């Protein structure tokens, strides 16, 4: 089986959007993940204590080489966001 070198990671995991990449830090830091599509809460609307805060998620992803490229599918409480690995920006 051939190793995939360019991965799109999709996450709509109801509040665990930060614990998931933290658990896969080796994959993130490998540079193989090039795009991340995820759902995030808006306007501080976190229905359960402990859900991922968008600012904390953004800080984590940017510290690992990702740039927020787009926000779409906006709703009053949540939206989807796309992060791109900085090397894809070239």
C-alpha atoms as a PDB file:
ATOM      1  CA  UNK A   1       0.000   0.000   0.000  1.00  0.00           C
ATOM      2  CA  UNK A   2       1.330   3.423  -0.922  1.00  0.00           C
ATOM      3  CA  UNK A   3       1.759   6.034   1.797  1.00  0.00           C
ATOM      4  CA  UNK A   4      -0.459   9.038   1.265  1.00  0.00           C
ATOM      5  CA  UNK A   5       1.561  12.232   1.375  1.00  0.00           C
ATOM      6  CA  UNK A   6      -1.254  14.779   1.006  1.00  0.00           C
ATOM      7  CA  UNK A   7      -4.155  14.300   3.375  1.00  0.00           C
ATOM      8  CA  UNK A   8      -7.441  16.183   3.784  1.00  0.00           C
ATOM      9  CA  UNK A   9      -8.592  15.836   7.382  1.00  0.00           C
ATOM     10  CA  UNK A  10     -12.301  16.374   8.021  1.00  0.00           C
ATOM     11  CA  UNK A  11     -13.622  16.849  11.541  1.00  0.00           C
ATOM     12  CA  UNK A  12     -17.222  17.362  12.614  1.00  0.00           C
ATOM     13  CA  UNK A  13     -16.931  15.717  15.994  1.00  0.00           C
ATOM     14  CA  UNK A  14     -19.197  17.693  18.296  1.00  0.00           C
ATOM     15  CA  UNK A  15     -16.814  19.650  20.455  1.00  0.00           C
ATOM     16  CA  UNK A  16     -13.718  17.462  20.199  1.00  0.00           C
ATOM     17  CA  UNK A  17     -12.093  19.362  17.336  1.00  0.00           C
ATOM     18  CA  UNK A  18      -9.104  20.215  19.545  1.00  0.00           C
ATOM     19  CA  UNK A  19      -8.523  16.921  21.408  1.00  0.00           C
ATOM     20  CA  UNK A  20      -8.499  15.032  18.085  1.00  0.00           C
ATOM     21  CA  UNK A  21      -5.510  16.796  16.483  1.00  0.00           C
ATOM     22  CA  UNK A  22      -3.728  16.908  19.831  1.00  0.00           C
ATOM     23  CA  UNK A  23      -3.978  13.128  19.878  1.00  0.00           C
ATOM     24  CA  UNK A  24      -2.596  12.968  16.339  1.00  0.00           C
ATOM     25  CA  UNK A  25       0.218  15.467  16.787  1.00  0.00           C
ATOM     26  CA  UNK A  26       2.677  13.172  15.024  1.00  0.00           C
ATOM     27  CA  UNK A  27       0.495  13.138  11.924  1.00  0.00           C
ATOM     28  CA  UNK A  28       0.039  16.916  11.981  1.00  0.00           C
ATOM     29  CA  UNK A  29       3.742  17.552  12.427  1.00  0.00           C
ATOM     30  CA  UNK A  30       4.638  15.101   9.647  1.00  0.00           C
ATOM     31  CA  UNK A  31       3.479  17.670   7.086  1.00  0.00           C
ATOM     32  CA  UNK A  32       1.265  15.095   5.384  1.00  0.00           C
ATOM     33  CA  UNK A  33      -1.977  16.801   6.431  1.00  0.00           C
ATOM     34  CA  UNK A  34      -2.396  19.635   3.948  1.00  0.00           C
ATOM     35  CA  UNK A  35      -6.007  20.693   4.531  1.00  0.00           C
ATOM     36  CA  UNK A  36      -8.308  20.553   7.530  1.00  0.00           C
ATOM     37  CA  UNK A  37     -12.070  21.028   7.252  1.00  0.00           C
ATOM     38  CA  UNK A  38     -13.840  21.347  10.583  1.00  0.00           C
ATOM     39  CA  UNK A  39     -16.902  22.651  12.345  1.00  0.00           C
ATOM     40  CA  UNK A  40     -16.459  25.296  15.006  1.00  0.00           C
ATOM     41  CA  UNK A  41     -18.766  27.082  17.399  1.00  0.00           C
ATOM     42  CA  UNK A  42     -19.612  30.756  16.893  1.00  0.00           C
ATOM     43  CA  UNK A  43     -20.040  33.663  19.281  1.00  0.00           C
ATOM     44  CA  UNK A  44     -19.013  31.703  22.362  1.00  0.00           C
ATOM     45  CA  UNK A  45     -21.902  29.280  21.896  1.00  0.00           C
ATOM     46  CA  UNK A  46     -20.555  26.100  23.502  1.00  0.00           C
ATOM     47  CA  UNK A  47     -23.505  23.966  24.602  1.00  0.00           C
ATOM     48  CA  UNK A  48     -21.435  21.729  26.899  1.00  0.00           C
ATOM     49  CA  UNK A  49     -18.621  22.637  29.286  1.00  0.00           C
ATOM     50  CA  UNK A  50     -15.348  21.481  27.780  1.00  0.00           C
ATOM     51  CA  UNK A  51     -16.271  21.873  24.111  1.00  0.00           C
ATOM     52  CA  UNK A  52     -13.474  23.241  21.969  1.00  0.00           C
ATOM     53  CA  UNK A  53     -13.226  27.022  21.979  1.00  0.00           C
ATOM     54  CA  UNK A  54     -12.586  28.397  18.448  1.00  0.00           C
ATOM     55  CA  UNK A  55      -9.786  30.727  19.571  1.00  0.00           C
ATOM     56  CA  UNK A  56      -7.930  27.882  21.284  1.00  0.00           C
ATOM     57  CA  UNK A  57      -8.329  25.638  18.235  1.00  0.00           C
ATOM     58  CA  UNK A  58      -7.134  28.420  15.924  1.00  0.00           C
ATOM     59  CA  UNK A  59      -4.056  29.058  18.086  1.00  0.00           C
ATOM     60  CA  UNK A  60      -3.210  25.353  18.127  1.00  0.00           C
ATOM     61  CA  UNK A  61      -3.560  24.907  14.366  1.00  0.00           C
ATOM     62  CA  UNK A  62      -1.577  28.045  13.519  1.00  0.00           C
ATOM     63  CA  UNK A  63       1.199  26.929  15.865  1.00  0.00           C
ATOM     64  CA  UNK A  64       1.424  23.735  13.791  1.00  0.00           C
ATOM     65  CA  UNK A  65       1.688  25.477  10.435  1.00  0.00           C
ATOM     66  CA  UNK A  66      -1.908  25.947   9.339  1.00  0.00           C
ATOM     67  CA  UNK A  67      -3.550  29.105   8.003  1.00  0.00           C
ATOM     68  CA  UNK A  68      -7.282  29.727   8.124  1.00  0.00           C
ATOM     69  CA  UNK A  69      -8.314  29.970   4.484  1.00  0.00           C
ATOM     70  CA  UNK A  70     -12.115  30.124   4.525  1.00  0.00           C
ATOM     71  CA  UNK A  71     -15.257  30.073   6.634  1.00  0.00           C
ATOM     72  CA  UNK A  72     -18.522  28.847   5.143  1.00  0.00           C
ATOM     73  CA  UNK A  73     -21.862  27.252   6.000  1.00  0.00           C
ATOM     74  CA  UNK A  74     -22.503  29.824   8.709  1.00  0.00           C
ATOM     75  CA  UNK A  75     -25.270  29.296  11.227  1.00  0.00           C
ATOM     76  CA  UNK A  76     -26.077  31.327  14.356  1.00  0.00           C
ATOM     77  CA  UNK A  77     -24.275  28.828  16.607  1.00  0.00           C
ATOM     78  CA  UNK A  78     -21.643  27.210  14.391  1.00  0.00           C
ATOM     79  CA  UNK A  79     -19.819  27.326  11.059  1.00  0.00           C
ATOM     80  CA  UNK A  80     -17.367  25.326   8.994  1.00  0.00           C
ATOM     81  CA  UNK A  81     -13.767  26.432   8.533  1.00  0.00           C
ATOM     82  CA  UNK A  82     -10.968  25.343   6.233  1.00  0.00           C
ATOM     83  CA  UNK A  83      -7.348  25.482   7.325  1.00  0.00           C
ATOM     84  CA  UNK A  84      -4.535  25.027   4.823  1.00  0.00           C
ATOM     85  CA  UNK A  85      -0.953  24.042   5.553  1.00  0.00           C
ATOM     86  CA  UNK A  86       1.231  27.123   5.051  1.00  0.00           C
ATOM     87  CA  UNK A  87       3.268  25.330   2.372  1.00  0.00           C
ATOM     88  CA  UNK A  88       0.113  25.038   0.253  1.00  0.00           C
ATOM     89  CA  UNK A  89      -0.141  28.829   0.236  1.00  0.00           C
ATOM     90  CA  UNK A  90       2.834  29.151  -2.143  1.00  0.00           C
END
